[in-house]
Amino acid sequence: MTLESASGTPDGELSGASWHKSSYSGSNNNCVERGQLRSGRQAVRDTADRARGALVFEAEAWTEFVGSVRDGRL
């Protein structure tokens, strides 16, 4: 069975990602993880249900999102 994200990213690319969980998350699994994909895109997945795949964002869209959060626009 091949899992895919909403954007059609094959599971192989997701499993090869370098995943990071926020230091604010604590020890429970009620959080999300961000993954850097080999393609340069960014993926986000639910730590409690990793088998469901991930949402994948182009690098430019991710940079804009993070900047918006940091600037208080979101």
PDB file of N, CA and C in Angstrom:
ATOM      1  N   MET A   1       0.847  -1.181   0.000  1.00  0.00           N
ATOM      2  CA  MET A   1       0.000   0.000   0.000  1.00  0.00           C
ATOM      3  C   MET A   1       0.890   1.241   0.000  1.00  0.00           C
ATOM      4  N   THR A   2       0.638   2.143  -0.907  1.00  0.00           N
ATOM      5  CA  THR A   2       1.389   3.383  -0.971  1.00  0.00           C
ATOM      6  C   THR A   2       0.555   4.507  -0.388  1.00  0.00           C
ATOM      7  N   LEU A   3       1.081   5.171   0.619  1.00  0.00           N
ATOM      8  CA  LEU A   3       0.396   6.316   1.205  1.00  0.00           C
ATOM      9  C   LEU A   3       0.819   7.564   0.473  1.00  0.00           C
ATOM     10  N   GLU A   4      -0.116   8.479   0.304  1.00  0.00           N
ATOM     11  CA  GLU A   4       0.204   9.748  -0.315  1.00  0.00           C
ATOM     12  C   GLU A   4      -0.377  10.874   0.507  1.00  0.00           C
ATOM     13  N   SER A   5       0.254  11.993   0.414  1.00  0.00           N
ATOM     14  CA  SER A   5      -0.261  13.188   1.065  1.00  0.00           C
ATOM     15  C   SER A   5      -1.353  13.777   0.193  1.00  0.00           C
ATOM     16  N   ALA A   6      -1.957  14.826   0.687  1.00  0.00           N
ATOM     17  CA  ALA A   6      -2.998  15.505  -0.062  1.00  0.00           C
ATOM     18  C   ALA A   6      -2.468  16.037  -1.388  1.00  0.00           C
ATOM     19  N   SER A   7      -1.188  16.331  -1.466  1.00  0.00           N
ATOM     20  CA  SER A   7      -0.622  16.877  -2.693  1.00  0.00           C
ATOM     21  C   SER A   7      -0.023  15.800  -3.596  1.00  0.00           C
ATOM     22  N   GLY A   8      -0.198  14.523  -3.245  1.00  0.00           N
ATOM     23  CA  GLY A   8       0.301  13.444  -4.085  1.00  0.00           C
ATOM     24  C   GLY A   8       1.758  13.098  -3.885  1.00  0.00           C
ATOM     25  N   THR A   9       2.339  13.474  -2.783  1.00  0.00           N
ATOM     26  CA  THR A   9       3.732  13.132  -2.498  1.00  0.00           C
ATOM     27  C   THR A   9       3.818  11.669  -2.089  1.00  0.00           C
ATOM     28  N   PRO A  10       4.616  10.856  -2.765  1.00  0.00           N
ATOM     29  CA  PRO A  10       4.723   9.443  -2.388  1.00  0.00           C
ATOM     30  C   PRO A  10       5.250   9.279  -0.963  1.00  0.00           C
ATOM     31  N   ASP A  11       4.788   8.232  -0.292  1.00  0.00           N
ATOM     32  CA  ASP A  11       5.202   7.963   1.080  1.00  0.00           C
ATOM     33  C   ASP A  11       6.711   7.814   1.191  1.00  0.00           C
ATOM     34  N   GLY A  12       7.391   7.318   0.167  1.00  0.00           N
ATOM     35  CA  GLY A  12       8.843   7.165   0.215  1.00  0.00           C
ATOM     36  C   GLY A  12       9.545   8.487   0.457  1.00  0.00           C
ATOM     37  N   GLU A  13       9.039   9.549  -0.146  1.00  0.00           N
ATOM     38  CA  GLU A  13       9.636  10.869   0.085  1.00  0.00           C
ATOM     39  C   GLU A  13       9.354  11.331   1.508  1.00  0.00           C
ATOM     40  N   LEU A  14       8.169  11.016   2.028  1.00  0.00           N
ATOM     41  CA  LEU A  14       7.831  11.409   3.398  1.00  0.00           C
ATOM     42  C   LEU A  14       8.678  10.650   4.415  1.00  0.00           C
ATOM     43  N   SER A  15       8.875   9.353   4.183  1.00  0.00           N
ATOM     44  CA  SER A  15       9.650   8.576   5.156  1.00  0.00           C
ATOM     45  C   SER A  15      11.119   8.960   5.129  1.00  0.00           C
ATOM     46  N   GLY A  16      11.589   9.535   4.038  1.00  0.00           N
ATOM     47  CA  GLY A  16      12.973   9.976   3.953  1.00  0.00           C
ATOM     48  C   GLY A  16      13.189  11.382   4.480  1.00  0.00           C
ATOM     49  N   ALA A  17      12.117  12.001   4.979  1.00  0.00           N
ATOM     50  CA  ALA A  17      12.209  13.382   5.463  1.00  0.00           C
ATOM     51  C   ALA A  17      12.910  13.435   6.815  1.00  0.00           C
ATOM     52  N   SER A  18      13.452  14.589   7.100  1.00  0.00           N
ATOM     53  CA  SER A  18      14.032  14.862   8.409  1.00  0.00           C
ATOM     54  C   SER A  18      12.940  15.544   9.238  1.00  0.00           C
ATOM     55  N   TRP A  19      12.315  14.798  10.164  1.00  0.00           N
ATOM     56  CA  TRP A  19      11.159  15.272  10.922  1.00  0.00           C
ATOM     57  C   TRP A  19      11.583  15.929  12.229  1.00  0.00           C
ATOM     58  N   HIS A  20      10.881  17.016  12.586  1.00  0.00           N
ATOM     59  CA  HIS A  20      11.166  17.757  13.822  1.00  0.00           C
ATOM     60  C   HIS A  20       9.863  18.094  14.530  1.00  0.00           C
ATOM     61  N   LYS A  21       9.860  17.907  15.829  1.00  0.00           N
ATOM     62  CA  LYS A  21       8.710  18.256  16.664  1.00  0.00           C
ATOM     63  C   LYS A  21       9.096  19.477  17.488  1.00  0.00           C
ATOM     64  N   SER A  22       8.159  20.373  17.675  1.00  0.00           N
ATOM     65  CA  SER A  22       8.417  21.588  18.443  1.00  0.00           C
ATOM     66  C   SER A  22       8.824  21.263  19.874  1.00  0.00           C
ATOM     67  N   SER A  23       9.747  22.035  20.406  1.00  0.00           N
ATOM     68  CA  SER A  23      10.156  21.858  21.805  1.00  0.00           C
ATOM     69  C   SER A  23       9.026  22.240  22.756  1.00  0.00           C
ATOM     70  N   TYR A  24       8.024  22.946  22.266  1.00  0.00           N
ATOM     71  CA  TYR A  24       6.860  23.312  23.080  1.00  0.00           C
ATOM     72  C   TYR A  24       5.863  22.167  23.207  1.00  0.00           C
ATOM     73  N   SER A  25       6.059  21.086  22.472  1.00  0.00           N
ATOM     74  CA  SER A  25       5.099  19.989  22.434  1.00  0.00           C
ATOM     75  C   SER A  25       5.090  19.127  23.683  1.00  0.00           C
ATOM     76  N   GLY A  26       6.176  19.064  24.404  1.00  0.00           N
ATOM     77  CA  GLY A  26       6.231  18.199  25.577  1.00  0.00           C
ATOM     78  C   GLY A  26       6.388  16.745  25.189  1.00  0.00           C
ATOM     79  N   SER A  27       6.007  15.851  26.070  1.00  0.00           N
ATOM     80  CA  SER A  27       6.228  14.429  25.829  1.00  0.00           C
ATOM     81  C   SER A  27       5.011  13.701  25.277  1.00  0.00           C
ATOM     82  N   ASN A  28       3.840  14.344  25.212  1.00  0.00           N
ATOM     83  CA  ASN A  28       2.683  13.652  24.662  1.00  0.00           C
ATOM     84  C   ASN A  28       2.679  13.738  23.144  1.00  0.00           C
ATOM     85  N   ASN A  29       1.774  13.036  22.513  1.00  0.00           N
ATOM     86  CA  ASN A  29       1.712  13.015  21.047  1.00  0.00           C
ATOM     87  C   ASN A  29       0.626  13.928  20.496  1.00  0.00           C
ATOM     88  N   ASN A  30       0.239  14.956  21.226  1.00  0.00           N
ATOM     89  CA  ASN A  30      -0.791  15.882  20.758  1.00  0.00           C
ATOM     90  C   ASN A  30      -0.149  17.070  20.060  1.00  0.00           C
ATOM     91  N   CYS A  31       0.539  16.795  18.982  1.00  0.00           N
ATOM     92  CA  CYS A  31       1.240  17.874  18.296  1.00  0.00           C
ATOM     93  C   CYS A  31       1.422  17.506  16.833  1.00  0.00           C
ATOM     94  N   VAL A  32       2.092  18.367  16.109  1.00  0.00           N
ATOM     95  CA  VAL A  32       2.428  18.107  14.717  1.00  0.00           C
ATOM     96  C   VAL A  32       3.934  18.129  14.568  1.00  0.00           C
ATOM     97  N   GLU A  33       4.385  17.522  13.486  1.00  0.00           N
ATOM     98  CA  GLU A  33       5.806  17.516  13.158  1.00  0.00           C
ATOM     99  C   GLU A  33       5.978  18.151  11.782  1.00  0.00           C
ATOM    100  N   ARG A  34       7.102  18.816  11.591  1.00  0.00           N
ATOM    101  CA  ARG A  34       7.459  19.383  10.298  1.00  0.00           C
ATOM    102  C   ARG A  34       8.603  18.570   9.726  1.00  0.00           C
ATOM    103  N   GLY A  35       8.494  18.277   8.459  1.00  0.00           N
ATOM    104  CA  GLY A  35       9.543  17.516   7.805  1.00  0.00           C
ATOM    105  C   GLY A  35      10.111  18.235   6.604  1.00  0.00           C
ATOM    106  N   GLN A  36      11.426  18.238   6.500  1.00  0.00           N
ATOM    107  CA  GLN A  36      12.122  18.780   5.334  1.00  0.00           C
ATOM    108  C   GLN A  36      12.256  17.651   4.325  1.00  0.00           C
ATOM    109  N   LEU A  37      11.657  17.798   3.135  1.00  0.00           N
ATOM    110  CA  LEU A  37      11.729  16.772   2.105  1.00  0.00           C
ATOM    111  C   LEU A  37      12.948  17.006   1.210  1.00  0.00           C
ATOM    112  N   ARG A  38      13.395  15.953   0.575  1.00  0.00           N
ATOM    113  CA  ARG A  38      14.566  16.052  -0.311  1.00  0.00           C
ATOM    114  C   ARG A  38      14.338  17.058  -1.435  1.00  0.00           C
ATOM    115  N   SER A  39      13.090  17.236  -1.828  1.00  0.00           N
ATOM    116  CA  SER A  39      12.754  18.159  -2.910  1.00  0.00           C
ATOM    117  C   SER A  39      12.832  19.622  -2.480  1.00  0.00           C
ATOM    118  N   GLY A  40      12.999  19.857  -1.168  1.00  0.00           N
ATOM    119  CA  GLY A  40      13.007  21.220  -0.645  1.00  0.00           C
ATOM    120  C   GLY A  40      11.660  21.650  -0.105  1.00  0.00           C
ATOM    121  N   ARG A  41      10.623  20.857  -0.402  1.00  0.00           N
ATOM    122  CA  ARG A  41       9.299  21.172   0.129  1.00  0.00           C
ATOM    123  C   ARG A  41       9.237  20.832   1.610  1.00  0.00           C
ATOM    124  N   GLN A  42       8.212  21.329   2.279  1.00  0.00           N
ATOM    125  CA  GLN A  42       8.009  21.097   3.707  1.00  0.00           C
ATOM    126  C   GLN A  42       6.735  20.272   3.896  1.00  0.00           C
ATOM    127  N   ALA A  43       6.766  19.341   4.822  1.00  0.00           N
ATOM    128  CA  ALA A  43       5.601  18.511   5.114  1.00  0.00           C
ATOM    129  C   ALA A  43       5.218  18.689   6.581  1.00  0.00           C
ATOM    130  N   VAL A  44       3.935  18.545   6.863  1.00  0.00           N
ATOM    131  CA  VAL A  44       3.420  18.633   8.224  1.00  0.00           C
ATOM    132  C   VAL A  44       2.541  17.412   8.450  1.00  0.00           C
ATOM    133  N   ARG A  45       2.749  16.728   9.576  1.00  0.00           N
ATOM    134  CA  ARG A  45       1.939  15.547   9.881  1.00  0.00           C
ATOM    135  C   ARG A  45       1.543  15.529  11.347  1.00  0.00           C
ATOM    136  N   ASP A  46       0.524  14.751  11.653  1.00  0.00           N
ATOM    137  CA  ASP A  46       0.023  14.564  13.008  1.00  0.00           C
ATOM    138  C   ASP A  46       0.894  13.521  13.707  1.00  0.00           C
ATOM    139  N   THR A  47       1.514  13.895  14.802  1.00  0.00           N
ATOM    140  CA  THR A  47       2.398  12.981  15.520  1.00  0.00           C
ATOM    141  C   THR A  47       1.657  11.734  16.010  1.00  0.00           C
ATOM    142  N   ALA A  48       0.395  11.889  16.386  1.00  0.00           N
ATOM    143  CA  ALA A  48      -0.375  10.769  16.921  1.00  0.00           C
ATOM    144  C   ALA A  48      -0.838   9.812  15.828  1.00  0.00           C
ATOM    145  N   ASP A  49      -0.839  10.234  14.564  1.00  0.00           N
ATOM    146  CA  ASP A  49      -1.334   9.383  13.480  1.00  0.00           C
ATOM    147  C   ASP A  49      -0.489   9.586  12.222  1.00  0.00           C
ATOM    148  N   ARG A  50       0.762   9.239  12.310  1.00  0.00           N
ATOM    149  CA  ARG A  50       1.711   9.446  11.206  1.00  0.00           C
ATOM    150  C   ARG A  50       1.347   8.663   9.953  1.00  0.00           C
ATOM    151  N   ALA A  51       0.632   7.551  10.105  1.00  0.00           N
ATOM    152  CA  ALA A  51       0.281   6.705   8.970  1.00  0.00           C
ATOM    153  C   ALA A  51      -0.701   7.376   8.014  1.00  0.00           C
ATOM    154  N   ARG A  52      -1.334   8.443   8.417  1.00  0.00           N
ATOM    155  CA  ARG A  52      -2.297   9.136   7.551  1.00  0.00           C
ATOM    156  C   ARG A  52      -1.624  10.007   6.504  1.00  0.00           C
ATOM    157  N   GLY A  53      -0.313  10.091   6.534  1.00  0.00           N
ATOM    158  CA  GLY A  53       0.379  10.902   5.547  1.00  0.00           C
ATOM    159  C   GLY A  53       0.640  12.300   6.069  1.00  0.00           C
ATOM    160  N   ALA A  54       0.793  13.245   5.153  1.00  0.00           N
ATOM    161  CA  ALA A  54       1.157  14.600   5.545  1.00  0.00           C
ATOM    162  C   ALA A  54       0.630  15.598   4.531  1.00  0.00           C
ATOM    163  N   LEU A  55       0.546  16.823   4.963  1.00  0.00           N
ATOM    164  CA  LEU A  55       0.280  17.928   4.055  1.00  0.00           C
ATOM    165  C   LEU A  55       1.631  18.452   3.604  1.00  0.00           C
ATOM    166  N   VAL A  56       1.760  18.710   2.315  1.00  0.00           N
ATOM    167  CA  VAL A  56       3.047  19.125   1.767  1.00  0.00           C
ATOM    168  C   VAL A  56       2.911  20.514   1.148  1.00  0.00           C
ATOM    169  N   PHE A  57       3.891  21.360   1.426  1.00  0.00           N
ATOM    170  CA  PHE A  57       3.888  22.743   0.973  1.00  0.00           C
ATOM    171  C   PHE A  57       5.148  23.037   0.185  1.00  0.00           C
ATOM    172  N   GLU A  58       5.019  23.823  -0.853  1.00  0.00           N
ATOM    173  CA  GLU A  58       6.187  24.301  -1.568  1.00  0.00           C
ATOM    174  C   GLU A  58       6.997  25.173  -0.615  1.00  0.00           C
ATOM    175  N   ALA A  59       8.306  25.245  -0.829  1.00  0.00           N
ATOM    176  CA  ALA A  59       9.190  25.981   0.075  1.00  0.00           C
ATOM    177  C   ALA A  59       8.775  27.446   0.223  1.00  0.00           C
ATOM    178  N   GLU A  60       8.382  28.083  -0.869  1.00  0.00           N
ATOM    179  CA  GLU A  60       7.998  29.493  -0.817  1.00  0.00           C
ATOM    180  C   GLU A  60       6.745  29.694   0.030  1.00  0.00           C
ATOM    181  N   ALA A  61       5.772  28.805  -0.120  1.00  0.00           N
ATOM    182  CA  ALA A  61       4.527  28.902   0.649  1.00  0.00           C
ATOM    183  C   ALA A  61       4.801  28.692   2.133  1.00  0.00           C
ATOM    184  N   TRP A  62       5.686  27.758   2.463  1.00  0.00           N
ATOM    185  CA  TRP A  62       6.022  27.498   3.863  1.00  0.00           C
ATOM    186  C   TRP A  62       6.728  28.712   4.479  1.00  0.00           C
ATOM    187  N   THR A  63       7.649  29.303   3.736  1.00  0.00           N
ATOM    188  CA  THR A  63       8.370  30.484   4.223  1.00  0.00           C
ATOM    189  C   THR A  63       7.398  31.627   4.487  1.00  0.00           C
ATOM    190  N   GLU A  64       6.446  31.824   3.609  1.00  0.00           N
ATOM    191  CA  GLU A  64       5.440  32.877   3.793  1.00  0.00           C
ATOM    192  C   GLU A  64       4.566  32.591   5.013  1.00  0.00           C
ATOM    193  N   PHE A  65       4.165  31.342   5.192  1.00  0.00           N
ATOM    194  CA  PHE A  65       3.351  30.952   6.350  1.00  0.00           C
ATOM    195  C   PHE A  65       4.099  31.226   7.655  1.00  0.00           C
ATOM    196  N   VAL A  66       5.327  30.763   7.751  1.00  0.00           N
ATOM    197  CA  VAL A  66       6.121  30.955   8.975  1.00  0.00           C
ATOM    198  C   VAL A  66       6.328  32.440   9.248  1.00  0.00           C
ATOM    199  N   GLY A  67       6.621  33.203   8.208  1.00  0.00           N
ATOM    200  CA  GLY A  67       6.795  34.644   8.377  1.00  0.00           C
ATOM    201  C   GLY A  67       5.522  35.329   8.866  1.00  0.00           C
ATOM    202  N   SER A  68       4.380  34.889   8.366  1.00  0.00           N
ATOM    203  CA  SER A  68       3.091  35.438   8.795  1.00  0.00           C
ATOM    204  C   SER A  68       2.811  35.145  10.265  1.00  0.00           C
ATOM    205  N   VAL A  69       3.154  33.948  10.696  1.00  0.00           N
ATOM    206  CA  VAL A  69       2.968  33.597  12.111  1.00  0.00           C
ATOM    207  C   VAL A  69       3.896  34.422  12.985  1.00  0.00           C
ATOM    208  N   ARG A  70       5.145  34.511  12.603  1.00  0.00           N
ATOM    209  CA  ARG A  70       6.121  35.286  13.392  1.00  0.00           C
ATOM    210  C   ARG A  70       5.759  36.763  13.490  1.00  0.00           C
ATOM    211  N   ASP A  71       5.202  37.320  12.394  1.00  0.00           N
ATOM    212  CA  ASP A  71       4.841  38.737  12.367  1.00  0.00           C
ATOM    213  C   ASP A  71       3.483  39.020  13.007  1.00  0.00           C
ATOM    214  N   GLY A  72       2.782  37.974  13.441  1.00  0.00           N
ATOM    215  CA  GLY A  72       1.474  38.149  14.063  1.00  0.00           C
ATOM    216  C   GLY A  72       0.340  38.357  13.089  1.00  0.00           C
ATOM    217  N   ARG A  73       0.560  38.107  11.804  1.00  0.00           N
ATOM    218  CA  ARG A  73      -0.497  38.231  10.814  1.00  0.00           C
ATOM    219  C   ARG A  73      -1.447  37.056  10.845  1.00  0.00           C
ATOM    220  N   LEU A  74      -1.024  35.950  11.442  1.00  0.00           N
ATOM    221  CA  LEU A  74      -1.884  34.772  11.596  1.00  0.00           C
ATOM    222  C   LEU A  74      -1.965  34.372  13.045  1.00  0.00           C
TER     223      LEU A  74
END
